Amino acid sequence: MTGYYDIVLGLIPVALLGITAALTVVGVSLTAAVPIGALVAMSVIGHAMFINTPADVSDEANSARPPLNAD
């Protein structure tokens, strides 16, 4: 089953390459299309890091159990 972060990892190159190619086909110069595609890829990464944060919200994370000792 693919999760949100699997989709994000797939969208990063798709956004960068796909938007750059689409803008180039439409007639935007390559030197303008690459930064626009990179901006979209950065916004996907930023959404995954800051808006939809990878937090563990399970009941085990909120329990009063002490941390495991590696020694």
Protein backbone atom coordinates (compact mmCIF):
# COMPACT_ATOMS: atom_id res chain seq x y z
CA MET A 1 0.00 0.00 0.00
CA THR A 2 1.44 3.35 -0.96
CA GLY A 3 1.40 6.04 1.64
CA TYR A 4 1.59 9.80 1.44
CA TYR A 5 5.38 9.91 1.56
CA ASP A 6 5.71 7.28 -1.18
CA ILE A 7 3.57 9.50 -3.40
CA VAL A 8 5.65 12.55 -2.46
CA LEU A 9 8.86 10.73 -3.41
CA GLY A 10 7.33 9.91 -6.79
CA LEU A 11 6.00 13.43 -7.35
CA ILE A 12 9.35 15.15 -6.89
CA PRO A 13 10.96 14.01 -10.18
CA VAL A 14 7.59 14.07 -11.97
CA ALA A 15 7.08 17.69 -10.96
CA LEU A 16 10.60 18.71 -11.90
CA LEU A 17 10.83 16.90 -15.23
CA GLY A 18 7.17 16.94 -16.22
CA ILE A 19 6.50 20.61 -15.59
CA THR A 20 9.79 21.57 -17.21
CA ALA A 21 8.95 19.52 -20.31
CA ALA A 22 5.37 20.81 -20.46
CA LEU A 23 6.47 24.42 -20.20
CA THR A 24 9.14 23.87 -22.83
CA VAL A 25 6.57 22.37 -25.22
CA VAL A 26 4.24 25.32 -24.63
CA GLY A 27 7.00 27.72 -25.60
CA VAL A 28 8.62 28.85 -22.37
CA SER A 29 12.40 28.94 -22.59
CA LEU A 30 14.33 26.19 -20.85
CA THR A 31 16.09 28.67 -18.57
CA ALA A 32 12.70 29.78 -17.25
CA ALA A 33 11.02 26.35 -17.24
CA VAL A 34 13.61 24.62 -15.05
CA PRO A 35 13.28 27.05 -12.09
CA ILE A 36 9.48 26.87 -12.31
CA GLY A 37 9.59 23.06 -12.22
CA ALA A 38 12.08 23.19 -9.35
CA LEU A 39 9.82 25.59 -7.45
CA VAL A 40 6.91 23.14 -7.73
CA ALA A 41 9.15 20.25 -6.62
CA MET A 42 10.35 22.33 -3.66
CA SER A 43 6.78 23.11 -2.68
CA VAL A 44 5.94 19.38 -2.70
CA ILE A 45 8.92 18.73 -0.44
CA GLY A 46 8.01 21.66 1.81
CA HIS A 47 4.45 20.42 2.16
CA ALA A 48 5.68 16.98 3.16
CA MET A 49 8.16 18.39 5.68
CA PHE A 50 6.27 21.26 7.30
CA ILE A 51 2.53 21.01 6.56
CA ASN A 52 1.97 17.26 6.72
CA THR A 53 4.75 16.37 9.13
CA PRO A 54 5.92 12.79 9.60
CA ALA A 55 4.83 12.42 13.24
CA ASP A 56 4.20 9.16 15.05
CA VAL A 57 0.71 9.46 16.51
CA SER A 58 0.25 5.88 17.65
CA ASP A 59 -0.79 4.97 21.18
CA GLU A 60 2.61 3.44 21.85
CA ALA A 61 4.33 6.79 21.29
CA ASN A 62 2.13 8.43 23.92
CA SER A 63 2.55 5.75 26.59
CA ALA A 64 4.41 6.37 29.83
CA ARG A 65 6.90 3.60 29.09
CA PRO A 66 10.56 4.57 29.63
CA PRO A 67 12.85 4.47 26.57
CA LEU A 68 14.77 1.29 25.83
CA ASN A 69 18.35 1.11 27.04
CA ALA A 70 20.76 -0.03 24.33
CA ASP A 71 23.38 -1.22 26.82
